[in-house]
């Protein structure tokens, strides 16, 4: 192993552990927020904080925070942002304000359940309604950012002018982002059902809903445009190689067997034909899909986590209702 390769290996190792630390930092930070929310819930309901609360809070918020940390360290948002046109970038750029409002809502929520009841002995029903409808507004508005990402990226993946390597980077980033991009739609549907007081029974339907949403988003916005464009490029490349191979075969048949020069030409033609055959095999063996195992694995994970998170929101609403 050369010195440069050793330095590169050490650098990659440091970078890997740096990413792990950052992901854990995000997870722990969100766990603290979740712990405060659940603690506030138990305080208002005058219930003790149990071990099961700590476990489920870990599942809710640590996983969510670690996932957001993964998005950050892999720079998925930056890769997507480079694909967006100026018009789409302006819309996507307002996402930071959405997070500011979300943070403000969390602060108001903590003030409502921890401080106000102790300071003011009045009816907080109007304030509670305001907090609940803010959840609806935040949820529905987050769907806009989902479309802001999916629509231009789908066109990018379907473009014939973009190189396969660049498409793969965007497809990978979109695949990582799909749980977060698809979640607002499921949350919006659930909130509409809650507003209409429609109970989702049996409970496993929530799992099916999340899995279906993930598979639908992945196939419609990522896999379909990517695979169609890659398949077309593969067909064009194979057609070009086949025409080249046919021309070489025709030239090979015209070469005689008498002279040494002719024999050398034959060897050169046959070597080139063999090289083309190997290149065709490599192209044919390449998958036209960005991932093969990501749908069943990620959809299963998303289904479980999504159902748990919906259950948490349901319990959160019980504070006010």
C-alpha atoms as a PDB file:
ATOM      1  CA  UNK A   1       0.000   0.000   0.000  1.00  0.00           C
ATOM      2  CA  UNK A   2       1.434   3.367  -1.018  1.00  0.00           C
ATOM      3  CA  UNK A   3       1.693   6.394   1.233  1.00  0.00           C
ATOM      4  CA  UNK A   4      -1.046   8.227  -0.653  1.00  0.00           C
ATOM      5  CA  UNK A   5      -3.437   5.279  -0.363  1.00  0.00           C
ATOM      6  CA  UNK A   6      -2.729   5.002   3.386  1.00  0.00           C
ATOM      7  CA  UNK A   7      -3.410   8.723   3.855  1.00  0.00           C
ATOM      8  CA  UNK A   8      -6.628   8.386   1.865  1.00  0.00           C
ATOM      9  CA  UNK A   9      -7.724   5.401   3.973  1.00  0.00           C
ATOM     10  CA  UNK A  10      -7.040   7.293   7.219  1.00  0.00           C
ATOM     11  CA  UNK A  11      -8.890  10.339   5.883  1.00  0.00           C
ATOM     12  CA  UNK A  12     -11.911   8.233   4.914  1.00  0.00           C
ATOM     13  CA  UNK A  13     -11.904   6.574   8.356  1.00  0.00           C
ATOM     14  CA  UNK A  14     -11.832   9.945  10.131  1.00  0.00           C
ATOM     15  CA  UNK A  15     -14.607  11.220   7.888  1.00  0.00           C
ATOM     16  CA  UNK A  16     -16.723   8.125   8.616  1.00  0.00           C
ATOM     17  CA  UNK A  17     -16.447   8.456  12.396  1.00  0.00           C
ATOM     18  CA  UNK A  18     -17.047  12.190  12.147  1.00  0.00           C
ATOM     19  CA  UNK A  19     -20.319  11.453  10.355  1.00  0.00           C
ATOM     20  CA  UNK A  20     -21.282   8.879  12.988  1.00  0.00           C
ATOM     21  CA  UNK A  21     -20.701  11.422  15.775  1.00  0.00           C
ATOM     22  CA  UNK A  22     -22.799  14.010  13.989  1.00  0.00           C
ATOM     23  CA  UNK A  23     -25.666  11.540  13.434  1.00  0.00           C
ATOM     24  CA  UNK A  24     -25.576  10.572  17.133  1.00  0.00           C
ATOM     25  CA  UNK A  25     -25.527  14.240  18.133  1.00  0.00           C
ATOM     26  CA  UNK A  26     -28.690  14.867  16.103  1.00  0.00           C
ATOM     27  CA  UNK A  27     -30.331  11.782  17.587  1.00  0.00           C
ATOM     28  CA  UNK A  28     -29.552  12.736  21.178  1.00  0.00           C
ATOM     29  CA  UNK A  29     -30.666  16.328  20.597  1.00  0.00           C
ATOM     30  CA  UNK A  30     -34.047  15.238  19.272  1.00  0.00           C
ATOM     31  CA  UNK A  31     -34.369  12.708  22.078  1.00  0.00           C
ATOM     32  CA  UNK A  32     -34.032  15.528  24.627  1.00  0.00           C
ATOM     33  CA  UNK A  33     -36.798  17.463  22.837  1.00  0.00           C
ATOM     34  CA  UNK A  34     -39.011  14.383  22.773  1.00  0.00           C
ATOM     35  CA  UNK A  35     -38.289  13.678  26.426  1.00  0.00           C
ATOM     36  CA  UNK A  36     -39.459  17.184  27.355  1.00  0.00           C
ATOM     37  CA  UNK A  37     -42.632  16.806  25.288  1.00  0.00           C
ATOM     38  CA  UNK A  38     -43.570  13.466  26.847  1.00  0.00           C
ATOM     39  CA  UNK A  39     -42.643  14.739  30.309  1.00  0.00           C
ATOM     40  CA  UNK A  40     -44.928  17.731  29.767  1.00  0.00           C
ATOM     41  CA  UNK A  41     -47.701  15.382  28.677  1.00  0.00           C
ATOM     42  CA  UNK A  42     -47.344  13.293  31.832  1.00  0.00           C
ATOM     43  CA  UNK A  43     -47.147  16.402  34.006  1.00  0.00           C
ATOM     44  CA  UNK A  44     -50.391  17.827  32.631  1.00  0.00           C
ATOM     45  CA  UNK A  45     -52.158  14.479  32.954  1.00  0.00           C
ATOM     46  CA  UNK A  46     -50.650  14.024  36.431  1.00  0.00           C
ATOM     47  CA  UNK A  47     -49.120  10.690  35.500  1.00  0.00           C
ATOM     48  CA  UNK A  48     -45.685   9.271  36.255  1.00  0.00           C
ATOM     49  CA  UNK A  49     -43.015   9.017  33.575  1.00  0.00           C
ATOM     50  CA  UNK A  50     -42.556   5.278  32.993  1.00  0.00           C
ATOM     51  CA  UNK A  51     -39.832   3.163  31.413  1.00  0.00           C
ATOM     52  CA  UNK A  52     -42.066   2.512  28.394  1.00  0.00           C
ATOM     53  CA  UNK A  53     -42.327   6.277  27.864  1.00  0.00           C
ATOM     54  CA  UNK A  54     -38.552   6.526  27.747  1.00  0.00           C
ATOM     55  CA  UNK A  55     -38.312   3.620  25.272  1.00  0.00           C
ATOM     56  CA  UNK A  56     -40.969   4.950  22.928  1.00  0.00           C
ATOM     57  CA  UNK A  57     -39.591   8.480  23.145  1.00  0.00           C
ATOM     58  CA  UNK A  58     -36.237   7.066  22.093  1.00  0.00           C
ATOM     59  CA  UNK A  59     -37.862   5.313  19.142  1.00  0.00           C
ATOM     60  CA  UNK A  60     -39.778   8.419  18.116  1.00  0.00           C
ATOM     61  CA  UNK A  61     -37.205  11.131  18.428  1.00  0.00           C
ATOM     62  CA  UNK A  62     -33.756   9.566  18.478  1.00  0.00           C
ATOM     63  CA  UNK A  63     -34.465   7.736  15.215  1.00  0.00           C
ATOM     64  CA  UNK A  64     -35.940  10.886  13.699  1.00  0.00           C
ATOM     65  CA  UNK A  65     -32.956  12.980  14.772  1.00  0.00           C
ATOM     66  CA  UNK A  66     -30.459  10.367  13.553  1.00  0.00           C
ATOM     67  CA  UNK A  67     -32.252  10.267  10.206  1.00  0.00           C
ATOM     68  CA  UNK A  68     -32.046  14.045   9.857  1.00  0.00           C
ATOM     69  CA  UNK A  69     -28.387  13.836  10.828  1.00  0.00           C
ATOM     70  CA  UNK A  70     -27.826  11.284   8.065  1.00  0.00           C
ATOM     71  CA  UNK A  71     -29.396  13.679   5.565  1.00  0.00           C
ATOM     72  CA  UNK A  72     -27.061  16.397   6.795  1.00  0.00           C
ATOM     73  CA  UNK A  73     -23.791  14.432   6.743  1.00  0.00           C
ATOM     74  CA  UNK A  74     -24.509  12.927   3.312  1.00  0.00           C
ATOM     75  CA  UNK A  75     -25.350  16.411   2.001  1.00  0.00           C
ATOM     76  CA  UNK A  76     -28.509  15.097   0.348  1.00  0.00           C
ATOM     77  CA  UNK A  77     -30.176  18.509   0.379  1.00  0.00           C
ATOM     78  CA  UNK A  78     -27.164  20.156  -1.291  1.00  0.00           C
ATOM     79  CA  UNK A  79     -27.140  17.555  -4.076  1.00  0.00           C
ATOM     80  CA  UNK A  80     -30.830  18.134  -4.717  1.00  0.00           C
ATOM     81  CA  UNK A  81     -30.508  21.923  -4.485  1.00  0.00           C
ATOM     82  CA  UNK A  82     -27.967  21.939  -7.344  1.00  0.00           C
ATOM     83  CA  UNK A  83     -30.541  20.283  -9.604  1.00  0.00           C
ATOM     84  CA  UNK A  84     -33.272  22.842  -8.958  1.00  0.00           C
ATOM     85  CA  UNK A  85     -33.797  25.772 -11.290  1.00  0.00           C
ATOM     86  CA  UNK A  86     -33.818  29.335  -9.950  1.00  0.00           C
ATOM     87  CA  UNK A  87     -37.613  29.330  -9.655  1.00  0.00           C
ATOM     88  CA  UNK A  88     -37.684  26.072  -7.675  1.00  0.00           C
ATOM     89  CA  UNK A  89     -34.768  27.224  -5.532  1.00  0.00           C
ATOM     90  CA  UNK A  90     -36.701  30.290  -4.378  1.00  0.00           C
ATOM     91  CA  UNK A  91     -39.524  28.104  -3.139  1.00  0.00           C
ATOM     92  CA  UNK A  92     -37.178  25.551  -1.549  1.00  0.00           C
ATOM     93  CA  UNK A  93     -35.192  28.362   0.069  1.00  0.00           C
ATOM     94  CA  UNK A  94     -38.190  29.282   2.223  1.00  0.00           C
ATOM     95  CA  UNK A  95     -37.938  25.915   3.990  1.00  0.00           C
ATOM     96  CA  UNK A  96     -35.765  27.441   6.706  1.00  0.00           C
ATOM     97  CA  UNK A  97     -38.662  29.720   7.663  1.00  0.00           C
ATOM     98  CA  UNK A  98     -40.862  26.634   7.971  1.00  0.00           C
ATOM     99  CA  UNK A  99     -38.400  25.214  10.495  1.00  0.00           C
ATOM    100  CA  UNK A 100     -38.382  28.526  12.392  1.00  0.00           C
ATOM    101  CA  UNK A 101     -42.168  28.361  12.697  1.00  0.00           C
ATOM    102  CA  UNK A 102     -41.969  24.711  13.771  1.00  0.00           C
ATOM    103  CA  UNK A 103     -39.447  25.612  16.478  1.00  0.00           C
ATOM    104  CA  UNK A 104     -41.671  28.497  17.593  1.00  0.00           C
ATOM    105  CA  UNK A 105     -44.608  26.082  17.818  1.00  0.00           C
ATOM    106  CA  UNK A 106     -42.598  23.716  20.039  1.00  0.00           C
ATOM    107  CA  UNK A 107     -41.658  26.615  22.322  1.00  0.00           C
ATOM    108  CA  UNK A 108     -45.276  27.768  22.552  1.00  0.00           C
ATOM    109  CA  UNK A 109     -46.368  24.213  23.255  1.00  0.00           C
ATOM    110  CA  UNK A 110     -43.909  23.843  26.140  1.00  0.00           C
ATOM    111  CA  UNK A 111     -44.942  27.231  27.543  1.00  0.00           C
ATOM    112  CA  UNK A 112     -48.601  26.221  27.289  1.00  0.00           C
ATOM    113  CA  UNK A 113     -48.265  22.944  29.183  1.00  0.00           C
ATOM    114  CA  UNK A 114     -45.534  23.872  31.665  1.00  0.00           C
ATOM    115  CA  UNK A 115     -45.821  27.574  32.515  1.00  0.00           C
ATOM    116  CA  UNK A 116     -49.167  29.121  31.650  1.00  0.00           C
ATOM    117  CA  UNK A 117     -51.363  26.821  33.785  1.00  0.00           C
ATOM    118  CA  UNK A 118     -49.216  27.696  36.802  1.00  0.00           C
ATOM    119  CA  UNK A 119     -49.244  31.451  36.177  1.00  0.00           C
ATOM    120  CA  UNK A 120     -52.688  32.143  34.711  1.00  0.00           C
ATOM    121  CA  UNK A 121     -55.809  30.379  35.968  1.00  0.00           C
ATOM    122  CA  UNK A 122     -57.915  30.996  32.845  1.00  0.00           C
ATOM    123  CA  UNK A 123     -59.448  29.049  29.991  1.00  0.00           C
ATOM    124  CA  UNK A 124     -56.833  28.262  27.337  1.00  0.00           C
ATOM    125  CA  UNK A 125     -59.217  26.661  24.838  1.00  0.00           C
ATOM    126  CA  UNK A 126     -58.665  29.325  22.140  1.00  0.00           C
ATOM    127  CA  UNK A 127     -54.907  29.065  22.525  1.00  0.00           C
ATOM    128  CA  UNK A 128     -55.162  25.270  22.305  1.00  0.00           C
ATOM    129  CA  UNK A 129     -57.178  25.548  19.088  1.00  0.00           C
ATOM    130  CA  UNK A 130     -54.500  27.866  17.719  1.00  0.00           C
ATOM    131  CA  UNK A 131     -51.763  25.326  18.485  1.00  0.00           C
ATOM    132  CA  UNK A 132     -53.742  22.474  16.923  1.00  0.00           C
ATOM    133  CA  UNK A 133     -54.470  24.368  13.712  1.00  0.00           C
ATOM    134  CA  UNK A 134     -50.838  25.396  13.508  1.00  0.00           C
ATOM    135  CA  UNK A 135     -50.061  21.678  13.237  1.00  0.00           C
ATOM    136  CA  UNK A 136     -52.437  21.453  10.273  1.00  0.00           C
ATOM    137  CA  UNK A 137     -50.870  24.489   8.590  1.00  0.00           C
ATOM    138  CA  UNK A 138     -47.332  23.198   9.095  1.00  0.00           C
ATOM    139  CA  UNK A 139     -48.277  19.751   7.820  1.00  0.00           C
ATOM    140  CA  UNK A 140     -50.075  20.903   4.679  1.00  0.00           C
ATOM    141  CA  UNK A 141     -47.447  23.524   3.832  1.00  0.00           C
ATOM    142  CA  UNK A 142     -44.680  20.907   4.134  1.00  0.00           C
ATOM    143  CA  UNK A 143     -46.308  19.055   1.212  1.00  0.00           C
ATOM    144  CA  UNK A 144     -45.316  21.995  -1.002  1.00  0.00           C
ATOM    145  CA  UNK A 145     -41.643  21.342  -0.301  1.00  0.00           C
ATOM    146  CA  UNK A 146     -42.141  17.692  -1.181  1.00  0.00           C
ATOM    147  CA  UNK A 147     -43.439  18.645  -4.643  1.00  0.00           C
ATOM    148  CA  UNK A 148     -40.746  21.319  -4.968  1.00  0.00           C
ATOM    149  CA  UNK A 149     -38.175  18.543  -4.704  1.00  0.00           C
ATOM    150  CA  UNK A 150     -39.867  15.684  -6.528  1.00  0.00           C
ATOM    151  CA  UNK A 151     -41.097  17.468  -9.668  1.00  0.00           C
ATOM    152  CA  UNK A 152     -37.812  19.056 -10.879  1.00  0.00           C
ATOM    153  CA  UNK A 153     -35.729  16.064  -9.763  1.00  0.00           C
ATOM    154  CA  UNK A 154     -38.023  13.693 -11.648  1.00  0.00           C
ATOM    155  CA  UNK A 155     -37.489  15.747 -14.801  1.00  0.00           C
ATOM    156  CA  UNK A 156     -33.731  15.737 -14.148  1.00  0.00           C
ATOM    157  CA  UNK A 157     -33.614  11.958 -13.812  1.00  0.00           C
ATOM    158  CA  UNK A 158     -35.637  11.546 -17.013  1.00  0.00           C
ATOM    159  CA  UNK A 159     -33.405  13.899 -19.025  1.00  0.00           C
ATOM    160  CA  UNK A 160     -31.330  12.368 -21.799  1.00  0.00           C
ATOM    161  CA  UNK A 161     -28.733  15.169 -21.555  1.00  0.00           C
ATOM    162  CA  UNK A 162     -27.596  14.276 -18.023  1.00  0.00           C
ATOM    163  CA  UNK A 163     -24.830  11.727 -17.456  1.00  0.00           C
ATOM    164  CA  UNK A 164     -25.666   8.472 -15.698  1.00  0.00           C
ATOM    165  CA  UNK A 165     -23.197   9.191 -12.867  1.00  0.00           C
ATOM    166  CA  UNK A 166     -24.898  12.506 -12.091  1.00  0.00           C
ATOM    167  CA  UNK A 167     -28.338  10.893 -12.213  1.00  0.00           C
ATOM    168  CA  UNK A 168     -27.173   8.215  -9.783  1.00  0.00           C
ATOM    169  CA  UNK A 169     -26.075  10.836  -7.234  1.00  0.00           C
ATOM    170  CA  UNK A 170     -29.445  12.569  -7.371  1.00  0.00           C
ATOM    171  CA  UNK A 171     -31.338   9.257  -7.282  1.00  0.00           C
ATOM    172  CA  UNK A 172     -29.348   8.170  -4.202  1.00  0.00           C
ATOM    173  CA  UNK A 173     -30.017  11.472  -2.435  1.00  0.00           C
ATOM    174  CA  UNK A 174     -33.717  11.321  -3.310  1.00  0.00           C
ATOM    175  CA  UNK A 175     -33.976   7.775  -2.000  1.00  0.00           C
ATOM    176  CA  UNK A 176     -32.568   8.856   1.366  1.00  0.00           C
ATOM    177  CA  UNK A 177     -34.907  11.854   1.415  1.00  0.00           C
ATOM    178  CA  UNK A 178     -38.047   9.939   0.374  1.00  0.00           C
ATOM    179  CA  UNK A 179     -39.175   9.014   3.935  1.00  0.00           C
ATOM    180  CA  UNK A 180     -39.148  12.696   4.891  1.00  0.00           C
ATOM    181  CA  UNK A 181     -40.586  13.873   1.563  1.00  0.00           C
ATOM    182  CA  UNK A 182     -43.423  11.358   1.683  1.00  0.00           C
ATOM    183  CA  UNK A 183     -44.203  11.742   5.381  1.00  0.00           C
ATOM    184  CA  UNK A 184     -45.970  15.157   5.098  1.00  0.00           C
ATOM    185  CA  UNK A 185     -48.588  13.653   2.799  1.00  0.00           C
ATOM    186  CA  UNK A 186     -49.350  10.818   5.199  1.00  0.00           C
ATOM    187  CA  UNK A 187     -49.440  13.204   8.141  1.00  0.00           C
ATOM    188  CA  UNK A 188     -51.772  15.516   6.233  1.00  0.00           C
ATOM    189  CA  UNK A 189     -54.112  12.626   5.413  1.00  0.00           C
ATOM    190  CA  UNK A 190     -54.114  11.488   9.025  1.00  0.00           C
ATOM    191  CA  UNK A 191     -54.862  14.991  10.301  1.00  0.00           C
ATOM    192  CA  UNK A 192     -57.752  15.325   7.853  1.00  0.00           C
ATOM    193  CA  UNK A 193     -59.138  12.008   9.097  1.00  0.00           C
ATOM    194  CA  UNK A 194     -58.696  13.211  12.686  1.00  0.00           C
ATOM    195  CA  UNK A 195     -60.436  16.496  11.910  1.00  0.00           C
ATOM    196  CA  UNK A 196     -63.309  14.568  10.350  1.00  0.00           C
ATOM    197  CA  UNK A 197     -63.248  12.258  13.406  1.00  0.00           C
ATOM    198  CA  UNK A 198     -62.746   9.189  11.216  1.00  0.00           C
ATOM    199  CA  UNK A 199     -61.028   6.400  13.124  1.00  0.00           C
ATOM    200  CA  UNK A 200     -58.506   4.277  11.203  1.00  0.00           C
ATOM    201  CA  UNK A 201     -59.352   0.726  12.149  1.00  0.00           C
ATOM    202  CA  UNK A 202     -57.869  -1.820  12.267  1.00  0.00           C
ATOM    203  CA  UNK A 203     -54.590  -0.206  13.318  1.00  0.00           C
ATOM    204  CA  UNK A 204     -52.442  -2.132  10.817  1.00  0.00           C
ATOM    205  CA  UNK A 205     -53.976  -0.009   8.046  1.00  0.00           C
ATOM    206  CA  UNK A 206     -51.622   2.788   9.156  1.00  0.00           C
ATOM    207  CA  UNK A 207     -48.658   0.524   8.448  1.00  0.00           C
ATOM    208  CA  UNK A 208     -50.040  -0.323   5.018  1.00  0.00           C
ATOM    209  CA  UNK A 209     -50.649   3.371   4.343  1.00  0.00           C
ATOM    210  CA  UNK A 210     -47.043   4.301   5.107  1.00  0.00           C
ATOM    211  CA  UNK A 211     -45.559   1.426   3.143  1.00  0.00           C
ATOM    212  CA  UNK A 212     -47.763   2.222   0.150  1.00  0.00           C
ATOM    213  CA  UNK A 213     -46.792   5.889   0.302  1.00  0.00           C
ATOM    214  CA  UNK A 214     -43.082   5.087   0.356  1.00  0.00           C
ATOM    215  CA  UNK A 215     -43.313   2.619  -2.529  1.00  0.00           C
ATOM    216  CA  UNK A 216     -45.478   5.028  -4.541  1.00  0.00           C
ATOM    217  CA  UNK A 217     -43.132   8.002  -4.051  1.00  0.00           C
ATOM    218  CA  UNK A 218     -40.052   5.922  -4.777  1.00  0.00           C
ATOM    219  CA  UNK A 219     -41.472   4.389  -7.957  1.00  0.00           C
ATOM    220  CA  UNK A 220     -43.238   7.433  -9.404  1.00  0.00           C
ATOM    221  CA  UNK A 221     -40.670  10.147  -8.684  1.00  0.00           C
ATOM    222  CA  UNK A 222     -37.361   8.228  -8.578  1.00  0.00           C
ATOM    223  CA  UNK A 223     -37.369   4.729 -10.016  1.00  0.00           C
ATOM    224  CA  UNK A 224     -39.653   5.338 -13.006  1.00  0.00           C
ATOM    225  CA  UNK A 225     -37.947   8.427 -14.528  1.00  0.00           C
ATOM    226  CA  UNK A 226     -34.488   7.040 -13.678  1.00  0.00           C
ATOM    227  CA  UNK A 227     -35.083   3.536 -15.048  1.00  0.00           C
ATOM    228  CA  UNK A 228     -36.815   4.737 -18.240  1.00  0.00           C
ATOM    229  CA  UNK A 229     -33.973   7.120 -19.109  1.00  0.00           C
ATOM    230  CA  UNK A 230     -31.246   4.601 -18.202  1.00  0.00           C
ATOM    231  CA  UNK A 231     -32.979   1.874 -20.219  1.00  0.00           C
ATOM    232  CA  UNK A 232     -33.160   4.152 -23.235  1.00  0.00           C
ATOM    233  CA  UNK A 233     -29.477   5.086 -22.877  1.00  0.00           C
ATOM    234  CA  UNK A 234     -28.535   1.403 -22.555  1.00  0.00           C
ATOM    235  CA  UNK A 235     -30.470   0.561 -25.712  1.00  0.00           C
ATOM    236  CA  UNK A 236     -28.801   3.404 -27.600  1.00  0.00           C
ATOM    237  CA  UNK A 237     -25.337   2.365 -26.421  1.00  0.00           C
ATOM    238  CA  UNK A 238     -25.963  -1.296 -27.241  1.00  0.00           C
ATOM    239  CA  UNK A 239     -27.275  -0.327 -30.666  1.00  0.00           C
ATOM    240  CA  UNK A 240     -24.152   1.762 -31.310  1.00  0.00           C
ATOM    241  CA  UNK A 241     -21.877  -1.102 -30.279  1.00  0.00           C
ATOM    242  CA  UNK A 242     -23.841  -3.592 -32.370  1.00  0.00           C
ATOM    243  CA  UNK A 243     -23.489  -1.417 -35.469  1.00  0.00           C
ATOM    244  CA  UNK A 244     -19.768  -1.085 -34.810  1.00  0.00           C
ATOM    245  CA  UNK A 245     -19.489  -4.852 -34.352  1.00  0.00           C
ATOM    246  CA  UNK A 246     -21.366  -5.507 -37.599  1.00  0.00           C
ATOM    247  CA  UNK A 247     -19.036  -3.167 -39.488  1.00  0.00           C
ATOM    248  CA  UNK A 248     -16.002  -4.944 -38.035  1.00  0.00           C
ATOM    249  CA  UNK A 249     -17.384  -8.341 -39.059  1.00  0.00           C
ATOM    250  CA  UNK A 250     -17.909  -7.102 -42.598  1.00  0.00           C
ATOM    251  CA  UNK A 251     -14.347  -5.793 -42.748  1.00  0.00           C
ATOM    252  CA  UNK A 252     -13.072  -9.082 -41.279  1.00  0.00           C
ATOM    253  CA  UNK A 253     -14.742 -11.076 -44.020  1.00  0.00           C
ATOM    254  CA  UNK A 254     -13.017  -8.961 -46.664  1.00  0.00           C
ATOM    255  CA  UNK A 255      -9.534  -9.675 -45.309  1.00  0.00           C
ATOM    256  CA  UNK A 256      -7.640 -12.499 -47.017  1.00  0.00           C
ATOM    257  CA  UNK A 257      -5.503 -15.265 -45.505  1.00  0.00           C
ATOM    258  CA  UNK A 258      -2.394 -15.143 -47.689  1.00  0.00           C
ATOM    259  CA  UNK A 259      -0.278 -12.333 -46.288  1.00  0.00           C
ATOM    260  CA  UNK A 260       1.116 -11.804 -42.824  1.00  0.00           C
ATOM    261  CA  UNK A 261      -0.379  -8.330 -42.901  1.00  0.00           C
ATOM    262  CA  UNK A 262      -3.820  -9.841 -43.488  1.00  0.00           C
ATOM    263  CA  UNK A 263      -3.412 -12.207 -40.548  1.00  0.00           C
ATOM    264  CA  UNK A 264      -2.443  -9.314 -38.284  1.00  0.00           C
ATOM    265  CA  UNK A 265      -5.516  -7.379 -39.453  1.00  0.00           C
ATOM    266  CA  UNK A 266      -7.714 -10.359 -38.680  1.00  0.00           C
ATOM    267  CA  UNK A 267      -6.263 -10.609 -35.187  1.00  0.00           C
ATOM    268  CA  UNK A 268      -6.851  -6.877 -34.635  1.00  0.00           C
ATOM    269  CA  UNK A 269     -10.466  -7.106 -35.869  1.00  0.00           C
ATOM    270  CA  UNK A 270     -11.188 -10.187 -33.733  1.00  0.00           C
ATOM    271  CA  UNK A 271      -9.676  -8.529 -30.645  1.00  0.00           C
ATOM    272  CA  UNK A 272     -11.823  -5.431 -31.199  1.00  0.00           C
ATOM    273  CA  UNK A 273     -14.945  -7.574 -31.657  1.00  0.00           C
ATOM    274  CA  UNK A 274     -14.160  -9.447 -28.420  1.00  0.00           C
ATOM    275  CA  UNK A 275     -13.707  -6.130 -26.609  1.00  0.00           C
ATOM    276  CA  UNK A 276     -17.063  -4.894 -27.893  1.00  0.00           C
ATOM    277  CA  UNK A 277     -18.725  -8.128 -26.746  1.00  0.00           C
ATOM    278  CA  UNK A 278     -17.308  -7.658 -23.237  1.00  0.00           C
ATOM    279  CA  UNK A 279     -18.451  -4.042 -23.195  1.00  0.00           C
ATOM    280  CA  UNK A 280     -21.950  -5.116 -24.249  1.00  0.00           C
ATOM    281  CA  UNK A 281     -22.067  -7.679 -21.461  1.00  0.00           C
ATOM    282  CA  UNK A 282     -21.060  -5.051 -18.907  1.00  0.00           C
ATOM    283  CA  UNK A 283     -23.758  -2.662 -20.124  1.00  0.00           C
ATOM    284  CA  UNK A 284     -26.419  -5.386 -20.128  1.00  0.00           C
ATOM    285  CA  UNK A 285     -25.495  -6.450 -16.580  1.00  0.00           C
ATOM    286  CA  UNK A 286     -25.942  -2.945 -15.147  1.00  0.00           C
ATOM    287  CA  UNK A 287     -29.210  -2.420 -13.298  1.00  0.00           C
ATOM    288  CA  UNK A 288     -31.597   0.212 -14.626  1.00  0.00           C
ATOM    289  CA  UNK A 289     -32.868   0.847 -11.087  1.00  0.00           C
ATOM    290  CA  UNK A 290     -31.124   3.065  -8.522  1.00  0.00           C
ATOM    291  CA  UNK A 291     -31.613   0.429  -5.811  1.00  0.00           C
ATOM    292  CA  UNK A 292     -32.949  -3.121  -5.613  1.00  0.00           C
ATOM    293  CA  UNK A 293     -33.368  -3.853  -1.899  1.00  0.00           C
ATOM    294  CA  UNK A 294     -34.247  -0.366  -0.679  1.00  0.00           C
ATOM    295  CA  UNK A 295     -37.998  -0.681  -1.264  1.00  0.00           C
ATOM    296  CA  UNK A 296     -38.736  -3.649   1.038  1.00  0.00           C
ATOM    297  CA  UNK A 297     -36.193  -2.640   3.688  1.00  0.00           C
ATOM    298  CA  UNK A 298     -36.943   1.060   3.881  1.00  0.00           C
ATOM    299  CA  UNK A 299     -40.696   0.648   3.487  1.00  0.00           C
ATOM    300  CA  UNK A 300     -40.747  -1.798   6.401  1.00  0.00           C
ATOM    301  CA  UNK A 301     -38.757   0.612   8.577  1.00  0.00           C
ATOM    302  CA  UNK A 302     -40.824   3.598   7.485  1.00  0.00           C
ATOM    303  CA  UNK A 303     -44.051   1.730   8.106  1.00  0.00           C
ATOM    304  CA  UNK A 304     -43.130   0.926  11.704  1.00  0.00           C
ATOM    305  CA  UNK A 305     -41.661   4.338  12.498  1.00  0.00           C
ATOM    306  CA  UNK A 306     -44.514   6.187  10.778  1.00  0.00           C
ATOM    307  CA  UNK A 307     -47.179   4.294  12.667  1.00  0.00           C
ATOM    308  CA  UNK A 308     -45.385   4.941  15.955  1.00  0.00           C
ATOM    309  CA  UNK A 309     -45.053   8.626  15.176  1.00  0.00           C
ATOM    310  CA  UNK A 310     -48.737   8.901  14.274  1.00  0.00           C
ATOM    311  CA  UNK A 311     -49.535   7.220  17.570  1.00  0.00           C
ATOM    312  CA  UNK A 312     -47.399   9.830  19.325  1.00  0.00           C
ATOM    313  CA  UNK A 313     -49.260  12.676  17.603  1.00  0.00           C
ATOM    314  CA  UNK A 314     -52.525  11.061  18.613  1.00  0.00           C
ATOM    315  CA  UNK A 315     -51.390  11.029  22.257  1.00  0.00           C
ATOM    316  CA  UNK A 316     -50.098  14.602  21.905  1.00  0.00           C
ATOM    317  CA  UNK A 317     -53.519  15.798  20.803  1.00  0.00           C
ATOM    318  CA  UNK A 318     -55.035  14.225  23.888  1.00  0.00           C
ATOM    319  CA  UNK A 319     -53.370  16.965  25.903  1.00  0.00           C
ATOM    320  CA  UNK A 320     -55.751  19.495  24.394  1.00  0.00           C
ATOM    321  CA  UNK A 321     -58.816  17.423  23.445  1.00  0.00           C
END
